[in-house]
């Protein structure tokens, strides 16, 4: 037993080196992409914003069927018609993912889903003391608990078929919170922990994987009015870019994706700098006051 443990200890750094080298080589070689032609994709919050662009991108890349869930019928209907004009089967359902009963009722009607995209989210955009209690609960129910309900509904069948992918559209604010969006940052941090745990839990589940996307500020109406100090240095991402990179990550079976790549620097700085230095970075970059002009969706 002692020799076995010693052998495992000596082998471990060799395994780590192999995996790092393998990852570096894969960056240089053209990736092998998942064929989406047999996939049924469900996008929550699919009526507008990033969700609409995700539906477009999955359709453009050949997905067999797109299912849209959301709370605004007008937006869902517009997206459905657009996807159908692209030649892809598409349906929509009115659903509040924060409502467990609605999710459990609708998932039976949808049928088998092989790619579940948890994209639905809301932001209240207030400080803790200025926040409305009902709005705080709403953001936690939709942004965090909604993922519990949708994943619990669709994952068992994916495991049975040994074919499935759970996708989470998260935010870099899950890793680096800002003032004025305490509800959103908290819910996204919880969502990130959920996906980390889920991703590890799927290691022994053949054919079923997960992808978490953490984008920087994206130019959608959801964060309308948000301003940073140096927009030319840190321009907001385009929603179509986030959608394209997300679908690529799914096709390449990439577990975690930070957008843009410079956000990796932020993660490193948070690990090594003292809190006082991080506070100065927030003030210098304007993230400390970026929500002061927030208007949100109108």
Protein backbone atom coordinates (compact mmCIF):
# COMPACT_ATOMS: atom_id res chain seq x y z
CA UNK A 1 0.00 0.00 0.00
CA UNK A 2 2.85 2.38 0.86
CA UNK A 3 4.62 1.72 -2.45
CA UNK A 4 1.35 2.22 -4.33
CA UNK A 5 0.82 5.62 -2.71
CA UNK A 6 4.43 6.62 -3.34
CA UNK A 7 4.09 5.64 -7.00
CA UNK A 8 0.91 7.70 -7.35
CA UNK A 9 2.67 10.67 -5.73
CA UNK A 10 5.59 10.44 -8.16
CA UNK A 11 3.31 9.99 -11.15
CA UNK A 12 1.11 12.97 -10.35
CA UNK A 13 3.53 15.76 -11.48
CA UNK A 14 4.20 13.80 -14.68
CA UNK A 15 0.46 13.69 -15.36
CA UNK A 16 0.19 17.44 -14.74
CA UNK A 17 3.04 18.17 -17.13
CA UNK A 18 1.47 15.93 -19.79
CA UNK A 19 -1.90 17.68 -19.50
CA UNK A 20 -0.33 21.14 -19.74
CA UNK A 21 1.69 20.16 -22.82
CA UNK A 22 -1.40 18.54 -24.36
CA UNK A 23 -3.43 21.71 -23.82
CA UNK A 24 -0.66 23.83 -25.38
CA UNK A 25 -0.50 21.56 -28.43
CA UNK A 26 -4.28 21.67 -28.84
CA UNK A 27 -4.10 25.47 -29.02
CA UNK A 28 -1.87 25.17 -32.08
CA UNK A 29 -3.88 22.49 -33.88
CA UNK A 30 -7.28 23.04 -35.55
CA UNK A 31 -9.93 21.89 -33.07
CA UNK A 32 -12.31 19.02 -33.75
CA UNK A 33 -15.78 20.55 -33.50
CA UNK A 34 -18.94 18.83 -32.33
CA UNK A 35 -21.47 18.21 -35.10
CA UNK A 36 -24.68 19.96 -34.05
CA UNK A 37 -26.93 18.48 -36.74
CA UNK A 38 -28.54 16.01 -34.31
CA UNK A 39 -28.80 18.39 -31.36
CA UNK A 40 -31.96 19.86 -29.86
CA UNK A 41 -30.97 23.11 -28.15
CA UNK A 42 -32.93 24.90 -25.43
CA UNK A 43 -32.00 28.52 -24.69
CA UNK A 44 -33.49 30.20 -21.62
CA UNK A 45 -33.92 33.94 -21.95
CA UNK A 46 -33.89 33.26 -25.67
CA UNK A 47 -36.10 36.12 -26.80
CA UNK A 48 -33.55 38.92 -26.80
CA UNK A 49 -30.01 39.99 -25.97
CA UNK A 50 -27.36 37.31 -25.90
CA UNK A 51 -30.05 34.62 -25.86
CA UNK A 52 -31.36 35.67 -29.28
CA UNK A 53 -27.82 35.71 -30.69
CA UNK A 54 -27.18 32.26 -29.21
CA UNK A 55 -30.27 30.90 -30.95
CA UNK A 56 -29.07 32.41 -34.22
CA UNK A 57 -25.58 30.98 -33.83
CA UNK A 58 -26.75 27.46 -33.00
CA UNK A 59 -29.09 27.59 -35.99
CA UNK A 60 -26.35 28.93 -38.25
CA UNK A 61 -24.09 26.06 -37.22
CA UNK A 62 -26.68 23.45 -38.09
CA UNK A 63 -28.56 22.57 -34.89
CA UNK A 64 -31.58 20.36 -35.61
CA UNK A 65 -34.07 22.21 -33.41
CA UNK A 66 -34.08 25.34 -31.23
CA UNK A 67 -36.39 25.74 -28.23
CA UNK A 68 -36.76 29.19 -26.68
CA UNK A 69 -37.86 29.86 -23.11
CA UNK A 70 -38.55 33.34 -21.83
CA UNK A 71 -41.06 35.64 -20.18
CA UNK A 72 -41.85 38.11 -23.00
CA UNK A 73 -43.92 36.55 -25.78
CA UNK A 74 -43.36 39.35 -28.30
CA UNK A 75 -39.56 38.89 -28.18
CA UNK A 76 -39.81 35.10 -28.26
CA UNK A 77 -42.11 35.18 -31.27
CA UNK A 78 -39.77 37.53 -33.16
CA UNK A 79 -36.78 35.29 -32.46
CA UNK A 80 -38.71 32.16 -33.44
CA UNK A 81 -39.67 33.65 -36.82
CA UNK A 82 -36.09 34.73 -37.45
CA UNK A 83 -34.75 31.23 -36.70
CA UNK A 84 -37.40 29.62 -38.90
CA UNK A 85 -36.41 31.90 -41.78
CA UNK A 86 -32.91 30.46 -41.41
CA UNK A 87 -34.39 27.03 -42.12
CA UNK A 88 -34.20 25.65 -38.57
CA UNK A 89 -37.14 24.25 -36.62
CA UNK A 90 -37.89 26.53 -33.68
CA UNK A 91 -40.53 26.73 -30.95
CA UNK A 92 -41.03 28.94 -27.92
CA UNK A 93 -42.65 28.61 -24.48
CA UNK A 94 -43.48 31.24 -21.90
CA UNK A 95 -41.52 30.21 -18.82
CA UNK A 96 -40.08 31.84 -15.72
CA UNK A 97 -37.12 29.58 -14.92
CA UNK A 98 -37.15 30.84 -11.35
CA UNK A 99 -40.50 29.10 -10.92
CA UNK A 100 -39.85 25.41 -10.27
CA UNK A 101 -43.43 24.38 -11.06
CA UNK A 102 -43.35 26.07 -14.47
CA UNK A 103 -40.05 24.41 -15.35
CA UNK A 104 -41.25 20.96 -14.29
CA UNK A 105 -44.47 21.39 -16.25
CA UNK A 106 -42.87 22.58 -19.48
CA UNK A 107 -39.87 20.27 -19.67
CA UNK A 108 -42.26 17.33 -20.27
CA UNK A 109 -43.70 19.13 -23.32
CA UNK A 110 -40.30 19.98 -24.78
CA UNK A 111 -38.97 16.43 -25.20
CA UNK A 112 -35.33 15.39 -25.34
CA UNK A 113 -32.83 18.25 -25.12
CA UNK A 114 -29.16 17.57 -25.81
CA UNK A 115 -27.83 21.11 -25.25
CA UNK A 116 -29.28 23.18 -22.41
CA UNK A 117 -28.19 26.83 -22.38
CA UNK A 118 -28.91 28.56 -19.07
CA UNK A 119 -28.81 32.17 -20.22
CA UNK A 120 -31.81 33.82 -18.50
CA UNK A 121 -30.81 36.53 -16.02
CA UNK A 122 -31.99 39.79 -14.49
CA UNK A 123 -30.20 42.64 -12.73
CA UNK A 124 -31.72 45.01 -10.18
CA UNK A 125 -28.80 47.45 -10.25
CA UNK A 126 -29.06 48.84 -6.72
CA UNK A 127 -26.93 48.91 -3.59
CA UNK A 128 -27.98 46.62 -0.74
CA UNK A 129 -29.72 49.33 1.28
CA UNK A 130 -31.52 50.74 -1.78
CA UNK A 131 -32.65 47.35 -3.03
CA UNK A 132 -36.24 46.19 -3.03
CA UNK A 133 -36.56 42.85 -1.23
CA UNK A 134 -38.80 41.31 -3.87
CA UNK A 135 -36.37 42.35 -6.61
CA UNK A 136 -33.49 40.76 -4.69
CA UNK A 137 -35.40 37.50 -4.42
CA UNK A 138 -36.31 37.63 -8.10
CA UNK A 139 -32.67 37.92 -9.18
CA UNK A 140 -31.63 34.98 -7.00
CA UNK A 141 -34.54 32.83 -8.21
CA UNK A 142 -33.88 33.46 -11.91
CA UNK A 143 -30.08 33.77 -12.01
CA UNK A 144 -29.23 30.97 -9.60
CA UNK A 145 -32.13 28.70 -8.67
CA UNK A 146 -33.35 28.68 -12.26
CA UNK A 147 -30.24 26.69 -13.17
CA UNK A 148 -31.01 24.15 -10.46
CA UNK A 149 -34.52 23.58 -11.78
CA UNK A 150 -33.66 23.37 -15.50
CA UNK A 151 -30.60 21.18 -14.96
CA UNK A 152 -32.45 18.82 -12.60
CA UNK A 153 -35.19 18.52 -15.20
CA UNK A 154 -33.09 17.79 -18.30
CA UNK A 155 -29.89 16.20 -16.98
CA UNK A 156 -31.34 12.73 -16.11
CA UNK A 157 -32.33 12.09 -19.73
CA UNK A 158 -28.93 13.33 -20.95
CA UNK A 159 -27.24 10.85 -18.62
CA UNK A 160 -29.52 8.09 -19.85
CA UNK A 161 -28.72 8.87 -23.49
CA UNK A 162 -25.04 9.54 -22.69
CA UNK A 163 -25.41 12.64 -24.80
CA UNK A 164 -25.77 16.14 -23.41
CA UNK A 165 -24.19 19.49 -22.66
CA UNK A 166 -25.09 22.01 -19.95
CA UNK A 167 -24.10 25.60 -20.76
CA UNK A 168 -24.10 28.55 -18.38
CA UNK A 169 -23.87 32.16 -19.56
CA UNK A 170 -22.33 33.65 -16.45
CA UNK A 171 -20.35 36.89 -15.99
CA UNK A 172 -16.87 37.99 -15.01
CA UNK A 173 -18.67 39.71 -12.10
CA UNK A 174 -18.92 36.24 -10.56
CA UNK A 175 -15.15 36.50 -10.00
CA UNK A 176 -14.81 40.23 -9.39
CA UNK A 177 -17.85 41.98 -7.94
CA UNK A 178 -18.66 45.68 -8.26
CA UNK A 179 -20.78 48.06 -6.15
CA UNK A 180 -24.29 48.79 -7.26
CA UNK A 181 -25.06 45.31 -8.55
CA UNK A 182 -24.95 43.29 -5.36
CA UNK A 183 -27.89 41.09 -6.37
CA UNK A 184 -26.39 40.23 -9.76
CA UNK A 185 -22.85 39.65 -8.49
CA UNK A 186 -24.07 37.41 -5.67
CA UNK A 187 -26.30 35.35 -7.94
CA UNK A 188 -23.58 34.95 -10.56
CA UNK A 189 -21.02 33.87 -7.94
CA UNK A 190 -23.50 31.24 -6.75
CA UNK A 191 -24.11 30.20 -10.34
CA UNK A 192 -20.37 29.85 -10.94
CA UNK A 193 -20.00 27.60 -7.89
CA UNK A 194 -22.94 25.54 -9.14
CA UNK A 195 -21.26 25.03 -12.52
CA UNK A 196 -17.87 24.24 -11.00
CA UNK A 197 -19.43 21.54 -8.85
CA UNK A 198 -21.54 20.22 -11.73
CA UNK A 199 -18.57 20.10 -14.12
CA UNK A 200 -16.54 18.03 -11.66
CA UNK A 201 -19.55 15.83 -10.93
CA UNK A 202 -19.85 14.96 -14.64
CA UNK A 203 -16.26 13.66 -14.95
CA UNK A 204 -17.45 10.04 -14.72
CA UNK A 205 -20.52 10.56 -16.91
CA UNK A 206 -19.65 9.63 -20.51
CA UNK A 207 -21.07 11.86 -23.22
CA UNK A 208 -22.33 14.59 -20.88
CA UNK A 209 -20.31 17.77 -20.38
CA UNK A 210 -20.58 21.37 -19.22
CA UNK A 211 -19.39 24.81 -20.33
CA UNK A 212 -19.32 28.01 -18.28
CA UNK A 213 -18.84 31.33 -20.08
CA UNK A 214 -17.74 34.40 -18.12
CA UNK A 215 -17.90 37.47 -20.37
CA UNK A 216 -16.93 41.05 -19.60
CA UNK A 217 -19.57 43.79 -19.90
CA UNK A 218 -21.62 43.12 -23.03
CA UNK A 219 -23.45 45.81 -25.00
CA UNK A 220 -27.04 44.71 -24.45
CA UNK A 221 -29.99 46.61 -23.00
CA UNK A 222 -29.69 44.62 -19.78
CA UNK A 223 -26.81 46.82 -18.55
CA UNK A 224 -27.85 49.97 -20.38
CA UNK A 225 -26.24 53.07 -18.88
CA UNK A 226 -23.31 51.27 -17.28
CA UNK A 227 -20.12 53.31 -17.86
CA UNK A 228 -16.46 52.49 -17.32
CA UNK A 229 -13.63 55.02 -17.28
CA UNK A 230 -11.63 53.86 -20.30
CA UNK A 231 -14.11 52.46 -22.84
CA UNK A 232 -11.52 52.55 -25.63
CA UNK A 233 -9.20 50.29 -23.62
CA UNK A 234 -11.98 48.06 -22.28
CA UNK A 235 -14.75 48.18 -24.90
CA UNK A 236 -17.93 46.24 -24.16
CA UNK A 237 -18.25 42.92 -25.92
CA UNK A 238 -20.70 42.54 -28.78
CA UNK A 239 -23.47 40.01 -28.01
CA UNK A 240 -22.87 38.25 -31.33
CA UNK A 241 -19.22 37.75 -30.33
CA UNK A 242 -20.22 36.23 -26.99
CA UNK A 243 -22.70 33.94 -28.77
CA UNK A 244 -20.17 32.81 -31.38
CA UNK A 245 -17.46 32.09 -28.83
CA UNK A 246 -19.96 30.27 -26.60
CA UNK A 247 -21.10 27.91 -29.35
CA UNK A 248 -17.47 27.31 -30.33
CA UNK A 249 -16.69 26.43 -26.71
CA UNK A 250 -19.55 23.93 -26.70
CA UNK A 251 -18.35 22.38 -29.95
CA UNK A 252 -14.80 22.12 -28.56
CA UNK A 253 -16.05 20.84 -25.19
CA UNK A 254 -14.32 23.67 -23.34
CA UNK A 255 -15.22 23.70 -19.66
CA UNK A 256 -14.56 27.37 -18.84
CA UNK A 257 -14.27 30.41 -21.10
CA UNK A 258 -13.31 33.93 -20.01
CA UNK A 259 -14.07 36.75 -22.47
CA UNK A 260 -11.97 38.54 -23.48
CA UNK A 261 -8.74 36.64 -22.73
CA UNK A 262 -7.43 39.62 -20.72
CA UNK A 263 -9.84 38.67 -17.95
CA UNK A 264 -7.35 35.93 -17.04
CA UNK A 265 -5.06 38.73 -15.87
CA UNK A 266 -7.80 39.92 -13.53
CA UNK A 267 -8.05 36.46 -11.96
CA UNK A 268 -4.28 36.37 -11.42
CA UNK A 269 -4.21 39.87 -9.91
CA UNK A 270 -7.00 38.96 -7.49
CA UNK A 271 -4.91 36.01 -6.33
CA UNK A 272 -1.71 37.93 -5.60
CA UNK A 273 -2.50 41.58 -4.83
CA UNK A 274 -3.51 42.93 -1.42
CA UNK A 275 -7.06 44.21 -0.99
CA UNK A 276 -5.94 47.84 -0.89
CA UNK A 277 -4.31 47.49 -4.31
CA UNK A 278 -7.44 45.82 -5.74
CA UNK A 279 -9.54 48.71 -4.44
CA UNK A 280 -7.30 51.19 -6.25
CA UNK A 281 -7.68 49.20 -9.46
CA UNK A 282 -11.47 49.42 -9.11
CA UNK A 283 -11.27 53.20 -8.62
CA UNK A 284 -8.77 53.74 -11.44
CA UNK A 285 -10.70 51.63 -13.96
CA UNK A 286 -14.03 53.20 -13.04
CA UNK A 287 -15.68 49.93 -12.03
CA UNK A 288 -16.16 51.42 -8.55
CA UNK A 289 -18.68 53.92 -9.94
CA UNK A 290 -19.75 52.29 -13.22
CA UNK A 291 -23.27 51.51 -11.95
CA UNK A 292 -23.97 55.13 -10.95
CA UNK A 293 -25.40 55.80 -14.42
CA UNK A 294 -27.13 52.43 -14.75
CA UNK A 295 -30.58 52.48 -16.36
CA UNK A 296 -31.11 48.82 -17.23
CA UNK A 297 -33.65 47.39 -19.61
CA UNK A 298 -36.36 49.78 -20.75
